[in-house]
C-alpha atoms as a PDB file:
ATOM      1  CA  UNK A   1      49.878  16.688 -46.644  1.00  0.00           C
ATOM      2  CA  UNK A   2      50.204  13.386 -44.856  1.00  0.00           C
ATOM      3  CA  UNK A   3      46.764  12.410 -46.471  1.00  0.00           C
ATOM      4  CA  UNK A   4      48.167  13.094 -49.809  1.00  0.00           C
ATOM      5  CA  UNK A   5      51.309  10.995 -49.224  1.00  0.00           C
ATOM      6  CA  UNK A   6      49.359   7.825 -48.003  1.00  0.00           C
ATOM      7  CA  UNK A   7      47.757   7.695 -51.740  1.00  0.00           C
ATOM      8  CA  UNK A   8      50.891   8.966 -53.548  1.00  0.00           C
ATOM      9  CA  UNK A   9      51.353   7.064 -56.836  1.00  0.00           C
ATOM     10  CA  UNK A  10      54.988   7.567 -58.341  1.00  0.00           C
ATOM     11  CA  UNK A  11      53.511   6.734 -61.576  1.00  0.00           C
ATOM     12  CA  UNK A  12      51.142   9.530 -61.621  1.00  0.00           C
ATOM     13  CA  UNK A  13      52.419  11.940 -59.028  1.00  0.00           C
ATOM     14  CA  UNK A  14      55.399  13.919 -58.609  1.00  0.00           C
ATOM     15  CA  UNK A  15      57.178  15.378 -55.680  1.00  0.00           C
ATOM     16  CA  UNK A  16      60.968  17.307 -55.875  1.00  0.00           C
ATOM     17  CA  UNK A  17      62.975  18.937 -53.467  1.00  0.00           C
ATOM     18  CA  UNK A  18      66.109  21.053 -53.629  1.00  0.00           C
ATOM     19  CA  UNK A  19      68.680  21.032 -51.145  1.00  0.00           C
ATOM     20  CA  UNK A  20      71.698  23.175 -50.333  1.00  0.00           C
ATOM     21  CA  UNK A  21      74.652  22.149 -48.086  1.00  0.00           C
ATOM     22  CA  UNK A  22      72.306  19.295 -46.867  1.00  0.00           C
ATOM     23  CA  UNK A  23      69.338  21.353 -46.141  1.00  0.00           C
ATOM     24  CA  UNK A  24      65.961  21.279 -48.055  1.00  0.00           C
ATOM     25  CA  UNK A  25      65.546  24.752 -49.325  1.00  0.00           C
ATOM     26  CA  UNK A  26      62.327  24.224 -51.480  1.00  0.00           C
ATOM     27  CA  UNK A  27      59.750  21.575 -52.792  1.00  0.00           C
ATOM     28  CA  UNK A  28      57.026  21.105 -55.517  1.00  0.00           C
ATOM     29  CA  UNK A  29      54.570  18.350 -55.267  1.00  0.00           C
ATOM     30  CA  UNK A  30      52.143  17.587 -58.213  1.00  0.00           C
ATOM     31  CA  UNK A  31      49.140  15.622 -57.907  1.00  0.00           C
ATOM     32  CA  UNK A  32      47.337  13.755 -60.905  1.00  0.00           C
ATOM     33  CA  UNK A  33      44.710  11.999 -58.849  1.00  0.00           C
ATOM     34  CA  UNK A  34      42.088  14.061 -60.934  1.00  0.00           C
ATOM     35  CA  UNK A  35      39.805  11.545 -62.985  1.00  0.00           C
ATOM     36  CA  UNK A  36      40.158  13.921 -66.139  1.00  0.00           C
ATOM     37  CA  UNK A  37      42.885  12.778 -68.832  1.00  0.00           C
ATOM     38  CA  UNK A  38      45.774  15.298 -68.782  1.00  0.00           C
ATOM     39  CA  UNK A  39      44.824  17.276 -65.503  1.00  0.00           C
ATOM     40  CA  UNK A  40      46.971  17.660 -62.319  1.00  0.00           C
ATOM     41  CA  UNK A  41      47.281  20.260 -59.662  1.00  0.00           C
ATOM     42  CA  UNK A  42      49.996  21.753 -57.918  1.00  0.00           C
ATOM     43  CA  UNK A  43      49.543  20.951 -54.611  1.00  0.00           C
ATOM     44  CA  UNK A  44      52.517  22.577 -52.759  1.00  0.00           C
ATOM     45  CA  UNK A  45      55.414  24.830 -53.754  1.00  0.00           C
ATOM     46  CA  UNK A  46      57.354  25.753 -50.970  1.00  0.00           C
ATOM     47  CA  UNK A  47      60.601  28.002 -51.014  1.00  0.00           C
ATOM     48  CA  UNK A  48      62.694  29.123 -48.053  1.00  0.00           C
ATOM     49  CA  UNK A  49      63.187  32.711 -47.597  1.00  0.00           C
ATOM     50  CA  UNK A  50      66.942  32.281 -48.440  1.00  0.00           C
ATOM     51  CA  UNK A  51      66.340  30.737 -51.702  1.00  0.00           C
ATOM     52  CA  UNK A  52      63.181  32.956 -52.656  1.00  0.00           C
ATOM     53  CA  UNK A  53      64.233  34.824 -56.066  1.00  0.00           C
ATOM     54  CA  UNK A  54      67.277  32.908 -56.838  1.00  0.00           C
ATOM     55  CA  UNK A  55      66.046  30.820 -59.704  1.00  0.00           C
ATOM     56  CA  UNK A  56      65.954  27.693 -58.062  1.00  0.00           C
ATOM     57  CA  UNK A  57      65.414  25.834 -61.035  1.00  0.00           C
ATOM     58  CA  UNK A  58      68.556  26.412 -62.537  1.00  0.00           C
ATOM     59  CA  UNK A  59      70.220  24.674 -59.285  1.00  0.00           C
ATOM     60  CA  UNK A  60      68.877  21.241 -60.583  1.00  0.00           C
ATOM     61  CA  UNK A  61      71.522  20.747 -63.454  1.00  0.00           C
END
């Protein structure tokens, strides 16, 4: 993960986190370093046990 963030380009890559009461409960990282146009990799999708199955995406409103 640290090697990825050393090369992180905010114009191409994306990392999002979800927190609840000041505690990080999940994150997703998309890596667009592939040379092919329109190709990206889901690098990490991490969710805490507490948030698993709780429709975390709806908390981003």
